[in-house]
Amino acid sequence: MTKAQEVFEKVNTLIDGGMSRPDAFKQVAGEYEQPVNSIRGSYYSYSRGATGGGSSRTRRRETTPEDALADARTALERSLDAIDREVEVAAERATEAAAEAKALKESAAERKAAIAERLEALK
């Protein structure tokens, strides 16, 4: 089993258990001690291959106008799928950023108080 497949299965298990996808990526990233983006990349890399999203290049001796149109159609359809993936990934990043901002905001007063206390001790 490849690491990408392990990541894919662990993330999906966590999601099936009720965890959000961004949280599942964070947890698996912690387990592997790697950045979340690396885990996300492994997950999507494996998912494209596992779902048949690999190369669709065909071998032919000559290109006919029909072949060229079919290739163009396929490329445009892949572009539509890529846009959907981009939107999903951007939404996940936005969710993660919002959670980080919320955590920083909630801990700001406590962190400022601790620093102010240490400043007073230095006087």
PDB file of N, CA and C in Angstrom:
ATOM      1  N   MET A   1       0.847  -1.171   0.000  1.00  0.00           N
ATOM      2  CA  MET A   1       0.000   0.000   0.000  1.00  0.00           C
ATOM      3  C   MET A   1       0.897   1.241   0.000  1.00  0.00           C
ATOM      4  N   THR A   2       0.611   2.181  -0.870  1.00  0.00           N
ATOM      5  CA  THR A   2       1.402   3.400  -0.945  1.00  0.00           C
ATOM      6  C   THR A   2       0.990   4.354   0.170  1.00  0.00           C
ATOM      7  N   LYS A   3       1.847   5.327   0.426  1.00  0.00           N
ATOM      8  CA  LYS A   3       1.530   6.322   1.443  1.00  0.00           C
ATOM      9  C   LYS A   3       0.291   7.115   1.034  1.00  0.00           C
ATOM     10  N   ALA A   4       0.197   7.449  -0.246  1.00  0.00           N
ATOM     11  CA  ALA A   4      -0.972   8.203  -0.723  1.00  0.00           C
ATOM     12  C   ALA A   4      -2.251   7.410  -0.479  1.00  0.00           C
ATOM     13  N   GLN A   5      -2.195   6.105  -0.697  1.00  0.00           N
ATOM     14  CA  GLN A   5      -3.379   5.274  -0.460  1.00  0.00           C
ATOM     15  C   GLN A   5      -3.707   5.238   1.036  1.00  0.00           C
ATOM     16  N   GLU A   6      -2.677   5.145   1.885  1.00  0.00           N
ATOM     17  CA  GLU A   6      -2.903   5.172   3.340  1.00  0.00           C
ATOM     18  C   GLU A   6      -3.570   6.474   3.754  1.00  0.00           C
ATOM     19  N   VAL A   7      -3.046   7.586   3.227  1.00  0.00           N
ATOM     20  CA  VAL A   7      -3.607   8.902   3.545  1.00  0.00           C
ATOM     21  C   VAL A   7      -5.064   8.964   3.092  1.00  0.00           C
ATOM     22  N   PHE A   8      -5.311   8.526   1.881  1.00  0.00           N
ATOM     23  CA  PHE A   8      -6.664   8.537   1.322  1.00  0.00           C
ATOM     24  C   PHE A   8      -7.622   7.756   2.223  1.00  0.00           C
ATOM     25  N   GLU A   9      -7.213   6.562   2.628  1.00  0.00           N
ATOM     26  CA  GLU A   9      -8.075   5.713   3.439  1.00  0.00           C
ATOM     27  C   GLU A   9      -8.267   6.273   4.842  1.00  0.00           C
ATOM     28  N   LYS A  10      -7.195   6.806   5.451  1.00  0.00           N
ATOM     29  CA  LYS A  10      -7.325   7.386   6.791  1.00  0.00           C
ATOM     30  C   LYS A  10      -8.250   8.593   6.780  1.00  0.00           C
ATOM     31  N   VAL A  11      -8.070   9.473   5.792  1.00  0.00           N
ATOM     32  CA  VAL A  11      -8.920  10.666   5.707  1.00  0.00           C
ATOM     33  C   VAL A  11     -10.373  10.256   5.498  1.00  0.00           C
ATOM     34  N   ASN A  12     -10.615   9.328   4.594  1.00  0.00           N
ATOM     35  CA  ASN A  12     -11.990   8.899   4.342  1.00  0.00           C
ATOM     36  C   ASN A  12     -12.610   8.220   5.561  1.00  0.00           C
ATOM     37  N   THR A  13     -11.819   7.466   6.318  1.00  0.00           N
ATOM     38  CA  THR A  13     -12.323   6.837   7.540  1.00  0.00           C
ATOM     39  C   THR A  13     -12.749   7.908   8.540  1.00  0.00           C
ATOM     40  N   LEU A  14     -11.926   8.938   8.692  1.00  0.00           N
ATOM     41  CA  LEU A  14     -12.266  10.021   9.613  1.00  0.00           C
ATOM     42  C   LEU A  14     -13.518  10.769   9.151  1.00  0.00           C
ATOM     43  N   ILE A  15     -13.617  11.000   7.839  1.00  0.00           N
ATOM     44  CA  ILE A  15     -14.788  11.696   7.300  1.00  0.00           C
ATOM     45  C   ILE A  15     -16.038  10.849   7.509  1.00  0.00           C
ATOM     46  N   ASP A  16     -15.919   9.542   7.264  1.00  0.00           N
ATOM     47  CA  ASP A  16     -17.054   8.645   7.481  1.00  0.00           C
ATOM     48  C   ASP A  16     -17.468   8.620   8.948  1.00  0.00           C
ATOM     49  N   GLY A  17     -16.524   8.873   9.833  1.00  0.00           N
ATOM     50  CA  GLY A  17     -16.801   8.909  11.263  1.00  0.00           C
ATOM     51  C   GLY A  17     -17.425  10.213  11.715  1.00  0.00           C
ATOM     52  N   GLY A  18     -17.614  11.152  10.790  1.00  0.00           N
ATOM     53  CA  GLY A  18     -18.286  12.403  11.126  1.00  0.00           C
ATOM     54  C   GLY A  18     -17.383  13.623  11.182  1.00  0.00           C
ATOM     55  N   MET A  19     -16.103  13.446  10.942  1.00  0.00           N
ATOM     56  CA  MET A  19     -15.167  14.569  10.990  1.00  0.00           C
ATOM     57  C   MET A  19     -15.218  15.338   9.668  1.00  0.00           C
ATOM     58  N   SER A  20     -14.997  16.638   9.736  1.00  0.00           N
ATOM     59  CA  SER A  20     -14.955  17.428   8.505  1.00  0.00           C
ATOM     60  C   SER A  20     -13.675  17.105   7.750  1.00  0.00           C
ATOM     61  N   ARG A  21     -13.683  17.322   6.464  1.00  0.00           N
ATOM     62  CA  ARG A  21     -12.512  17.013   5.645  1.00  0.00           C
ATOM     63  C   ARG A  21     -11.287  17.830   6.084  1.00  0.00           C
ATOM     64  N   PRO A  22     -11.415  19.157   6.322  1.00  0.00           N
ATOM     65  CA  PRO A  22     -10.238  19.911   6.763  1.00  0.00           C
ATOM     66  C   PRO A  22      -9.674  19.387   8.091  1.00  0.00           C
ATOM     67  N   ASP A  23     -10.561  19.026   9.025  1.00  0.00           N
ATOM     68  CA  ASP A  23     -10.086  18.490  10.299  1.00  0.00           C
ATOM     69  C   ASP A  23      -9.413  17.128  10.103  1.00  0.00           C
ATOM     70  N   ALA A  24      -9.953  16.323   9.189  1.00  0.00           N
ATOM     71  CA  ALA A  24      -9.348  15.019   8.902  1.00  0.00           C
ATOM     72  C   ALA A  24      -7.946  15.218   8.319  1.00  0.00           C
ATOM     73  N   PHE A  25      -7.796  16.181   7.407  1.00  0.00           N
ATOM     74  CA  PHE A  25      -6.471  16.472   6.851  1.00  0.00           C
ATOM     75  C   PHE A  25      -5.508  16.885   7.970  1.00  0.00           C
ATOM     76  N   LYS A  26      -5.980  17.732   8.889  1.00  0.00           N
ATOM     77  CA  LYS A  26      -5.117  18.194   9.985  1.00  0.00           C
ATOM     78  C   LYS A  26      -4.695  17.030  10.873  1.00  0.00           C
ATOM     79  N   GLN A  27      -5.639  16.166  11.201  1.00  0.00           N
ATOM     80  CA  GLN A  27      -5.311  15.045  12.082  1.00  0.00           C
ATOM     81  C   GLN A  27      -4.296  14.112  11.430  1.00  0.00           C
ATOM     82  N   VAL A  28      -4.526  13.778  10.162  1.00  0.00           N
ATOM     83  CA  VAL A  28      -3.600  12.878   9.468  1.00  0.00           C
ATOM     84  C   VAL A  28      -2.239  13.557   9.301  1.00  0.00           C
ATOM     85  N   ALA A  29      -2.236  14.868   9.059  1.00  0.00           N
ATOM     86  CA  ALA A  29      -0.966  15.604   8.954  1.00  0.00           C
ATOM     87  C   ALA A  29      -0.202  15.510  10.268  1.00  0.00           C
ATOM     88  N   GLY A  30      -0.921  15.586  11.393  1.00  0.00           N
ATOM     89  CA  GLY A  30      -0.281  15.445  12.692  1.00  0.00           C
ATOM     90  C   GLY A  30       0.305  14.054  12.890  1.00  0.00           C
ATOM     91  N   GLU A  31      -0.424  13.042  12.448  1.00  0.00           N
ATOM     92  CA  GLU A  31       0.062  11.667  12.577  1.00  0.00           C
ATOM     93  C   GLU A  31       1.354  11.452  11.785  1.00  0.00           C
ATOM     94  N   TYR A  32       1.415  12.033  10.597  1.00  0.00           N
ATOM     95  CA  TYR A  32       2.592  11.871   9.741  1.00  0.00           C
ATOM     96  C   TYR A  32       3.658  12.945   9.992  1.00  0.00           C
ATOM     97  N   GLU A  33       3.320  13.923  10.844  1.00  0.00           N
ATOM     98  CA  GLU A  33       4.200  15.054  11.102  1.00  0.00           C
ATOM     99  C   GLU A  33       4.617  15.743   9.809  1.00  0.00           C
ATOM    100  N   GLN A  34       3.599  16.037   8.991  1.00  0.00           N
ATOM    101  CA  GLN A  34       3.822  16.712   7.721  1.00  0.00           C
ATOM    102  C   GLN A  34       2.840  17.868   7.594  1.00  0.00           C
ATOM    103  N   PRO A  35       3.125  18.819   6.706  1.00  0.00           N
ATOM    104  CA  PRO A  35       2.193  19.930   6.499  1.00  0.00           C
ATOM    105  C   PRO A  35       0.841  19.432   5.962  1.00  0.00           C
ATOM    106  N   VAL A  36      -0.195  20.158   6.314  1.00  0.00           N
ATOM    107  CA  VAL A  36      -1.546  19.795   5.873  1.00  0.00           C
ATOM    108  C   VAL A  36      -1.610  19.765   4.345  1.00  0.00           C
ATOM    109  N   ASN A  37      -0.946  20.717   3.693  1.00  0.00           N
ATOM    110  CA  ASN A  37      -0.999  20.762   2.229  1.00  0.00           C
ATOM    111  C   ASN A  37      -0.373  19.521   1.592  1.00  0.00           C
ATOM    112  N   SER A  38       0.642  18.947   2.228  1.00  0.00           N
ATOM    113  CA  SER A  38       1.241  17.714   1.695  1.00  0.00           C
ATOM    114  C   SER A  38       0.254  16.560   1.778  1.00  0.00           C
ATOM    115  N   ILE A  39      -0.448  16.495   2.892  1.00  0.00           N
ATOM    116  CA  ILE A  39      -1.436  15.434   3.081  1.00  0.00           C
ATOM    117  C   ILE A  39      -2.583  15.615   2.092  1.00  0.00           C
ATOM    118  N   ARG A  40      -3.021  16.859   1.943  1.00  0.00           N
ATOM    119  CA  ARG A  40      -4.109  17.137   0.995  1.00  0.00           C
ATOM    120  C   ARG A  40      -3.686  16.749  -0.414  1.00  0.00           C
ATOM    121  N   GLY A  41      -2.440  17.064  -0.778  1.00  0.00           N
ATOM    122  CA  GLY A  41      -1.932  16.710  -2.103  1.00  0.00           C
ATOM    123  C   GLY A  41      -1.894  15.206  -2.319  1.00  0.00           C
ATOM    124  N   SER A  42      -1.435  14.472  -1.291  1.00  0.00           N
ATOM    125  CA  SER A  42      -1.410  13.007  -1.391  1.00  0.00           C
ATOM    126  C   SER A  42      -2.819  12.464  -1.566  1.00  0.00           C
ATOM    127  N   TYR A  43      -3.748  13.024  -0.805  1.00  0.00           N
ATOM    128  CA  TYR A  43      -5.142  12.565  -0.853  1.00  0.00           C
ATOM    129  C   TYR A  43      -5.726  12.741  -2.263  1.00  0.00           C
ATOM    130  N   TYR A  44      -5.593  13.955  -2.795  1.00  0.00           N
ATOM    131  CA  TYR A  44      -6.185  14.221  -4.109  1.00  0.00           C
ATOM    132  C   TYR A  44      -5.419  13.534  -5.237  1.00  0.00           C
ATOM    133  N   SER A  45      -4.117  13.400  -5.068  1.00  0.00           N
ATOM    134  CA  SER A  45      -3.327  12.677  -6.065  1.00  0.00           C
ATOM    135  C   SER A  45      -3.804  11.233  -6.176  1.00  0.00           C
ATOM    136  N   TYR A  46      -3.992  10.604  -5.024  1.00  0.00           N
ATOM    137  CA  TYR A  46      -4.455   9.214  -5.039  1.00  0.00           C
ATOM    138  C   TYR A  46      -5.901   9.128  -5.524  1.00  0.00           C
ATOM    139  N   SER A  47      -6.739  10.077  -5.100  1.00  0.00           N
ATOM    140  CA  SER A  47      -8.157  10.002  -5.482  1.00  0.00           C
ATOM    141  C   SER A  47      -8.341  10.136  -6.983  1.00  0.00           C
ATOM    142  N   ARG A  48      -7.518  10.946  -7.628  1.00  0.00           N
ATOM    143  CA  ARG A  48      -7.632  11.074  -9.097  1.00  0.00           C
ATOM    144  C   ARG A  48      -7.259   9.764  -9.771  1.00  0.00           C
ATOM    145  N   GLY A  49      -6.225   9.101  -9.274  1.00  0.00           N
ATOM    146  CA  GLY A  49      -5.802   7.834  -9.858  1.00  0.00           C
ATOM    147  C   GLY A  49      -6.768   6.705  -9.552  1.00  0.00           C
ATOM    148  N   ALA A  50      -7.313   6.689  -8.344  1.00  0.00           N
ATOM    149  CA  ALA A  50      -8.212   5.604  -7.927  1.00  0.00           C
ATOM    150  C   ALA A  50      -9.569   5.689  -8.614  1.00  0.00           C
ATOM    151  N   THR A  51      -9.961   6.899  -8.986  1.00  0.00           N
ATOM    152  CA  THR A  51     -11.271   7.065  -9.612  1.00  0.00           C
ATOM    153  C   THR A  51     -11.183   7.109 -11.129  1.00  0.00           C
ATOM    154  N   GLY A  52     -10.048   6.714 -11.652  1.00  0.00           N
ATOM    155  CA  GLY A  52      -9.914   6.670 -13.107  1.00  0.00           C
ATOM    156  C   GLY A  52      -9.620   8.023 -13.712  1.00  0.00           C
ATOM    157  N   GLY A  53      -9.144   8.968 -12.889  1.00  0.00           N
ATOM    158  CA  GLY A  53      -8.862  10.295 -13.385  1.00  0.00           C
ATOM    159  C   GLY A  53      -7.475  10.420 -13.984  1.00  0.00           C
ATOM    160  N   GLY A  54      -6.842   9.323 -14.235  1.00  0.00           N
ATOM    161  CA  GLY A  54      -5.480   9.326 -14.779  1.00  0.00           C
ATOM    162  C   GLY A  54      -5.449   9.769 -16.224  1.00  0.00           C
ATOM    163  N   SER A  55      -4.366   9.510 -16.880  1.00  0.00           N
ATOM    164  CA  SER A  55      -4.176   9.926 -18.260  1.00  0.00           C
ATOM    165  C   SER A  55      -5.175   9.228 -19.178  1.00  0.00           C
ATOM    166  N   SER A  56      -5.761  10.011 -20.052  1.00  0.00           N
ATOM    167  CA  SER A  56      -6.713   9.451 -21.007  1.00  0.00           C
ATOM    168  C   SER A  56      -6.169   9.560 -22.430  1.00  0.00           C
ATOM    169  N   ARG A  57      -4.867   9.676 -22.528  1.00  0.00           N
ATOM    170  CA  ARG A  57      -4.229   9.811 -23.830  1.00  0.00           C
ATOM    171  C   ARG A  57      -4.288   8.499 -24.593  1.00  0.00           C
ATOM    172  N   THR A  58      -4.704   8.579 -25.817  1.00  0.00           N
ATOM    173  CA  THR A  58      -4.786   7.379 -26.641  1.00  0.00           C
ATOM    174  C   THR A  58      -3.656   7.388 -27.664  1.00  0.00           C
ATOM    175  N   ARG A  59      -3.292   6.222 -28.096  1.00  0.00           N
ATOM    176  CA  ARG A  59      -2.258   6.107 -29.119  1.00  0.00           C
ATOM    177  C   ARG A  59      -2.930   5.969 -30.476  1.00  0.00           C
ATOM    178  N   ARG A  60      -2.572   6.839 -31.396  1.00  0.00           N
ATOM    179  CA  ARG A  60      -3.106   6.727 -32.744  1.00  0.00           C
ATOM    180  C   ARG A  60      -2.017   7.091 -33.748  1.00  0.00           C
ATOM    181  N   ARG A  61      -2.199   6.576 -34.929  1.00  0.00           N
ATOM    182  CA  ARG A  61      -1.205   6.845 -35.975  1.00  0.00           C
ATOM    183  C   ARG A  61      -1.421   8.199 -36.619  1.00  0.00           C
ATOM    184  N   GLU A  62      -2.668   8.582 -36.741  1.00  0.00           N
ATOM    185  CA  GLU A  62      -2.951   9.884 -37.343  1.00  0.00           C
ATOM    186  C   GLU A  62      -4.147  10.504 -36.633  1.00  0.00           C
ATOM    187  N   THR A  63      -4.204  11.796 -36.670  1.00  0.00           N
ATOM    188  CA  THR A  63      -5.300  12.505 -36.027  1.00  0.00           C
ATOM    189  C   THR A  63      -6.283  12.952 -37.101  1.00  0.00           C
ATOM    190  N   THR A  64      -7.516  12.531 -36.924  1.00  0.00           N
ATOM    191  CA  THR A  64      -8.574  12.952 -37.840  1.00  0.00           C
ATOM    192  C   THR A  64      -9.276  14.154 -37.222  1.00  0.00           C
ATOM    193  N   PRO A  65     -10.044  14.891 -38.005  1.00  0.00           N
ATOM    194  CA  PRO A  65     -10.797  16.016 -37.436  1.00  0.00           C
ATOM    195  C   PRO A  65     -11.722  15.552 -36.294  1.00  0.00           C
ATOM    196  N   GLU A  66     -12.301  14.367 -36.435  1.00  0.00           N
ATOM    197  CA  GLU A  66     -13.174  13.851 -35.381  1.00  0.00           C
ATOM    198  C   GLU A  66     -12.373  13.596 -34.102  1.00  0.00           C
ATOM    199  N   ASP A  67     -11.158  13.037 -34.266  1.00  0.00           N
ATOM    200  CA  ASP A  67     -10.296  12.805 -33.105  1.00  0.00           C
ATOM    201  C   ASP A  67      -9.937  14.120 -32.419  1.00  0.00           C
ATOM    202  N   ALA A  68      -9.615  15.123 -33.228  1.00  0.00           N
ATOM    203  CA  ALA A  68      -9.238  16.428 -32.678  1.00  0.00           C
ATOM    204  C   ALA A  68     -10.401  17.034 -31.895  1.00  0.00           C
ATOM    205  N   LEU A  69     -11.610  16.935 -32.442  1.00  0.00           N
ATOM    206  CA  LEU A  69     -12.784  17.455 -31.733  1.00  0.00           C
ATOM    207  C   LEU A  69     -13.043  16.678 -30.453  1.00  0.00           C
ATOM    208  N   ALA A  70     -12.892  15.377 -30.507  1.00  0.00           N
ATOM    209  CA  ALA A  70     -13.097  14.560 -29.309  1.00  0.00           C
ATOM    210  C   ALA A  70     -12.059  14.916 -28.240  1.00  0.00           C
ATOM    211  N   ASP A  71     -10.809  15.116 -28.656  1.00  0.00           N
ATOM    212  CA  ASP A  71      -9.767  15.498 -27.701  1.00  0.00           C
ATOM    213  C   ASP A  71     -10.074  16.856 -27.080  1.00  0.00           C
ATOM    214  N   ALA A  72     -10.520  17.791 -27.895  1.00  0.00           N
ATOM    215  CA  ALA A  72     -10.858  19.120 -27.383  1.00  0.00           C
ATOM    216  C   ALA A  72     -12.023  19.034 -26.399  1.00  0.00           C
ATOM    217  N   ARG A  73     -13.025  18.256 -26.734  1.00  0.00           N
ATOM    218  CA  ARG A  73     -14.184  18.077 -25.856  1.00  0.00           C
ATOM    219  C   ARG A  73     -13.747  17.479 -24.517  1.00  0.00           C
ATOM    220  N   THR A  74     -12.893  16.465 -24.576  1.00  0.00           N
ATOM    221  CA  THR A  74     -12.402  15.816 -23.361  1.00  0.00           C
ATOM    222  C   THR A  74     -11.607  16.803 -22.504  1.00  0.00           C
ATOM    223  N   ALA A  75     -10.774  17.604 -23.154  1.00  0.00           N
ATOM    224  CA  ALA A  75      -9.979  18.591 -22.417  1.00  0.00           C
ATOM    225  C   ALA A  75     -10.881  19.603 -21.721  1.00  0.00           C
ATOM    226  N   LEU A  76     -11.914  20.050 -22.401  1.00  0.00           N
ATOM    227  CA  LEU A  76     -12.838  21.017 -21.799  1.00  0.00           C
ATOM    228  C   LEU A  76     -13.619  20.390 -20.646  1.00  0.00           C
ATOM    229  N   GLU A  77     -14.000  19.130 -20.787  1.00  0.00           N
ATOM    230  CA  GLU A  77     -14.703  18.447 -19.694  1.00  0.00           C
ATOM    231  C   GLU A  77     -13.795  18.292 -18.480  1.00  0.00           C
ATOM    232  N   ARG A  78     -12.514  17.978 -18.708  1.00  0.00           N
ATOM    233  CA  ARG A  78     -11.558  17.887 -17.601  1.00  0.00           C
ATOM    234  C   ARG A  78     -11.398  19.246 -16.933  1.00  0.00           C
ATOM    235  N   SER A  79     -11.440  20.308 -17.727  1.00  0.00           N
ATOM    236  CA  SER A  79     -11.328  21.652 -17.170  1.00  0.00           C
ATOM    237  C   SER A  79     -12.491  21.962 -16.239  1.00  0.00           C
ATOM    238  N   LEU A  80     -13.682  21.517 -16.607  1.00  0.00           N
ATOM    239  CA  LEU A  80     -14.844  21.720 -15.734  1.00  0.00           C
ATOM    240  C   LEU A  80     -14.626  21.002 -14.399  1.00  0.00           C
ATOM    241  N   ASP A  81     -14.144  19.777 -14.448  1.00  0.00           N
ATOM    242  CA  ASP A  81     -13.869  19.029 -13.216  1.00  0.00           C
ATOM    243  C   ASP A  81     -12.776  19.711 -12.390  1.00  0.00           C
ATOM    244  N   ALA A  82     -11.762  20.243 -13.074  1.00  0.00           N
ATOM    245  CA  ALA A  82     -10.667  20.913 -12.371  1.00  0.00           C
ATOM    246  C   ALA A  82     -11.172  22.146 -11.636  1.00  0.00           C
ATOM    247  N   ILE A  83     -12.089  22.875 -12.239  1.00  0.00           N
ATOM    248  CA  ILE A  83     -12.652  24.056 -11.589  1.00  0.00           C
ATOM    249  C   ILE A  83     -13.395  23.645 -10.324  1.00  0.00           C
ATOM    250  N   ASP A  84     -14.154  22.568 -10.400  1.00  0.00           N
ATOM    251  CA  ASP A  84     -14.865  22.084  -9.210  1.00  0.00           C
ATOM    252  C   ASP A  84     -13.883  21.722  -8.100  1.00  0.00           C
ATOM    253  N   ARG A  85     -12.783  21.060  -8.457  1.00  0.00           N
ATOM    254  CA  ARG A  85     -11.768  20.705  -7.457  1.00  0.00           C
ATOM    255  C   ARG A  85     -11.133  21.954  -6.859  1.00  0.00           C
ATOM    256  N   GLU A  86     -10.845  22.949  -7.710  1.00  0.00           N
ATOM    257  CA  GLU A  86     -10.243  24.197  -7.233  1.00  0.00           C
ATOM    258  C   GLU A  86     -11.157  24.885  -6.231  1.00  0.00           C
ATOM    259  N   VAL A  87     -12.443  24.926  -6.537  1.00  0.00           N
ATOM    260  CA  VAL A  87     -13.405  25.564  -5.640  1.00  0.00           C
ATOM    261  C   VAL A  87     -13.454  24.816  -4.311  1.00  0.00           C
ATOM    262  N   GLU A  88     -13.466  23.498  -4.359  1.00  0.00           N
ATOM    263  CA  GLU A  88     -13.515  22.686  -3.135  1.00  0.00           C
ATOM    264  C   GLU A  88     -12.278  22.919  -2.276  1.00  0.00           C
ATOM    265  N   VAL A  89     -11.113  22.917  -2.889  1.00  0.00           N
ATOM    266  CA  VAL A  89      -9.871  23.119  -2.146  1.00  0.00           C
ATOM    267  C   VAL A  89      -9.827  24.529  -1.565  1.00  0.00           C
ATOM    268  N   ALA A  90     -10.249  25.523  -2.341  1.00  0.00           N
ATOM    269  CA  ALA A  90     -10.259  26.900  -1.846  1.00  0.00           C
ATOM    270  C   ALA A  90     -11.220  27.046  -0.669  1.00  0.00           C
ATOM    271  N   ALA A  91     -12.367  26.398  -0.747  1.00  0.00           N
ATOM    272  CA  ALA A  91     -13.326  26.450   0.353  1.00  0.00           C
ATOM    273  C   ALA A  91     -12.742  25.806   1.604  1.00  0.00           C
ATOM    274  N   GLU A  92     -12.032  24.708   1.446  1.00  0.00           N
ATOM    275  CA  GLU A  92     -11.393  24.058   2.599  1.00  0.00           C
ATOM    276  C   GLU A  92     -10.338  24.959   3.210  1.00  0.00           C
ATOM    277  N   ARG A  93      -9.529  25.612   2.352  1.00  0.00           N
ATOM    278  CA  ARG A  93      -8.514  26.533   2.873  1.00  0.00           C
ATOM    279  C   ARG A  93      -9.166  27.695   3.612  1.00  0.00           C
ATOM    280  N   ALA A  94     -10.276  28.199   3.088  1.00  0.00           N
ATOM    281  CA  ALA A  94     -10.980  29.306   3.736  1.00  0.00           C
ATOM    282  C   ALA A  94     -11.525  28.879   5.092  1.00  0.00           C
ATOM    283  N   THR A  95     -12.052  27.677   5.168  1.00  0.00           N
ATOM    284  CA  THR A  95     -12.566  27.153   6.441  1.00  0.00           C
ATOM    285  C   THR A  95     -11.435  27.027   7.451  1.00  0.00           C
ATOM    286  N   GLU A  96     -10.308  26.503   7.006  1.00  0.00           N
ATOM    287  CA  GLU A  96      -9.150  26.357   7.891  1.00  0.00           C
ATOM    288  C   GLU A  96      -8.648  27.719   8.356  1.00  0.00           C
ATOM    289  N   ALA A  97      -8.597  28.683   7.447  1.00  0.00           N
ATOM    290  CA  ALA A  97      -8.132  30.032   7.801  1.00  0.00           C
ATOM    291  C   ALA A  97      -9.090  30.689   8.792  1.00  0.00           C
ATOM    292  N   ALA A  98     -10.388  30.507   8.594  1.00  0.00           N
ATOM    293  CA  ALA A  98     -11.369  31.071   9.511  1.00  0.00           C
ATOM    294  C   ALA A  98     -11.228  30.457  10.899  1.00  0.00           C
ATOM    295  N   ALA A  99     -11.004  29.163  10.968  1.00  0.00           N
ATOM    296  CA  ALA A  99     -10.822  28.500  12.262  1.00  0.00           C
ATOM    297  C   ALA A  99      -9.556  29.008  12.951  1.00  0.00           C
ATOM    298  N   GLU A 100      -8.488  29.187  12.179  1.00  0.00           N
ATOM    299  CA  GLU A 100      -7.248  29.703  12.755  1.00  0.00           C
ATOM    300  C   GLU A 100      -7.438  31.121  13.269  1.00  0.00           C
ATOM    301  N   ALA A 101      -8.125  31.966  12.498  1.00  0.00           N
ATOM    302  CA  ALA A 101      -8.378  33.347  12.919  1.00  0.00           C
ATOM    303  C   ALA A 101      -9.208  33.372  14.200  1.00  0.00           C
ATOM    304  N   LYS A 102     -10.195  32.516  14.285  1.00  0.00           N
ATOM    305  CA  LYS A 102     -11.052  32.450  15.477  1.00  0.00           C
ATOM    306  C   LYS A 102     -10.226  32.036  16.697  1.00  0.00           C
ATOM    307  N   ALA A 103      -9.380  31.017  16.535  1.00  0.00           N
ATOM    308  CA  ALA A 103      -8.543  30.558  17.644  1.00  0.00           C
ATOM    309  C   ALA A 103      -7.573  31.644  18.099  1.00  0.00           C
ATOM    310  N   LEU A 104      -6.976  32.367  17.152  1.00  0.00           N
ATOM    311  CA  LEU A 104      -6.069  33.449  17.506  1.00  0.00           C
ATOM    312  C   LEU A 104      -6.800  34.563  18.232  1.00  0.00           C
ATOM    313  N   LYS A 105      -7.978  34.903  17.760  1.00  0.00           N
ATOM    314  CA  LYS A 105      -8.771  35.963  18.383  1.00  0.00           C
ATOM    315  C   LYS A 105      -9.158  35.572  19.803  1.00  0.00           C
ATOM    316  N   GLU A 106      -9.562  34.302  19.994  1.00  0.00           N
ATOM    317  CA  GLU A 106      -9.979  33.843  21.317  1.00  0.00           C
ATOM    318  C   GLU A 106      -8.820  33.804  22.302  1.00  0.00           C
ATOM    319  N   SER A 107      -7.611  33.549  21.831  1.00  0.00           N
ATOM    320  CA  SER A 107      -6.465  33.449  22.733  1.00  0.00           C
ATOM    321  C   SER A 107      -5.687  34.752  22.846  1.00  0.00           C
ATOM    322  N   ALA A 108      -6.061  35.788  22.095  1.00  0.00           N
ATOM    323  CA  ALA A 108      -5.292  37.031  22.065  1.00  0.00           C
ATOM    324  C   ALA A 108      -5.224  37.694  23.439  1.00  0.00           C
ATOM    325  N   ALA A 109      -6.342  37.821  24.142  1.00  0.00           N
ATOM    326  CA  ALA A 109      -6.352  38.500  25.443  1.00  0.00           C
ATOM    327  C   ALA A 109      -5.450  37.769  26.437  1.00  0.00           C
ATOM    328  N   GLU A 110      -5.534  36.454  26.446  1.00  0.00           N
ATOM    329  CA  GLU A 110      -4.703  35.661  27.368  1.00  0.00           C
ATOM    330  C   GLU A 110      -3.219  35.816  27.036  1.00  0.00           C
ATOM    331  N   ARG A 111      -2.875  35.769  25.775  1.00  0.00           N
ATOM    332  CA  ARG A 111      -1.467  35.909  25.376  1.00  0.00           C
ATOM    333  C   ARG A 111      -0.948  37.304  25.700  1.00  0.00           C
ATOM    334  N   LYS A 112      -1.778  38.344  25.450  1.00  0.00           N
ATOM    335  CA  LYS A 112      -1.374  39.719  25.760  1.00  0.00           C
ATOM    336  C   LYS A 112      -1.168  39.898  27.259  1.00  0.00           C
ATOM    337  N   ALA A 113      -2.065  39.315  28.058  1.00  0.00           N
ATOM    338  CA  ALA A 113      -1.950  39.430  29.511  1.00  0.00           C
ATOM    339  C   ALA A 113      -0.662  38.769  29.997  1.00  0.00           C
ATOM    340  N   ALA A 114      -0.316  37.617  29.449  1.00  0.00           N
ATOM    341  CA  ALA A 114       0.908  36.925  29.856  1.00  0.00           C
ATOM    342  C   ALA A 114       2.141  37.752  29.505  1.00  0.00           C
ATOM    343  N   ILE A 115       2.140  38.366  28.342  1.00  0.00           N
ATOM    344  CA  ILE A 115       3.277  39.189  27.926  1.00  0.00           C
ATOM    345  C   ILE A 115       3.357  40.440  28.785  1.00  0.00           C
ATOM    346  N   ALA A 116       2.215  41.076  29.064  1.00  0.00           N
ATOM    347  CA  ALA A 116       2.191  42.279  29.903  1.00  0.00           C
ATOM    348  C   ALA A 116       2.706  41.945  31.308  1.00  0.00           C
ATOM    349  N   GLU A 117       2.343  40.784  31.822  1.00  0.00           N
ATOM    350  CA  GLU A 117       2.812  40.343  33.137  1.00  0.00           C
ATOM    351  C   GLU A 117       4.334  40.214  33.149  1.00  0.00           C
ATOM    352  N   ARG A 118       4.878  39.648  32.104  1.00  0.00           N
ATOM    353  CA  ARG A 118       6.335  39.501  32.015  1.00  0.00           C
ATOM    354  C   ARG A 118       7.025  40.848  31.849  1.00  0.00           C
ATOM    355  N   LEU A 119       6.379  41.764  31.125  1.00  0.00           N
ATOM    356  CA  LEU A 119       6.933  43.116  30.992  1.00  0.00           C
ATOM    357  C   LEU A 119       7.001  43.803  32.352  1.00  0.00           C
ATOM    358  N   GLU A 120       5.974  43.657  33.144  1.00  0.00           N
ATOM    359  CA  GLU A 120       5.950  44.244  34.479  1.00  0.00           C
ATOM    360  C   GLU A 120       7.068  43.664  35.341  1.00  0.00           C
ATOM    361  N   ALA A 121       7.303  42.362  35.185  1.00  0.00           N
ATOM    362  CA  ALA A 121       8.348  41.718  35.992  1.00  0.00           C
ATOM    363  C   ALA A 121       9.727  42.235  35.610  1.00  0.00           C
ATOM    364  N   LEU A 122       9.896  42.700  34.388  1.00  0.00           N
ATOM    365  CA  LEU A 122      11.188  43.218  33.940  1.00  0.00           C
ATOM    366  C   LEU A 122      11.471  44.644  34.426  1.00  0.00           C
ATOM    367  N   LYS A 123      10.447  45.343  34.902  1.00  0.00           N
ATOM    368  CA  LYS A 123      10.634  46.739  35.340  1.00  0.00           C
ATOM    369  C   LYS A 123      11.328  46.832  36.663  1.00  0.00           C
TER     370      LYS A 123
END
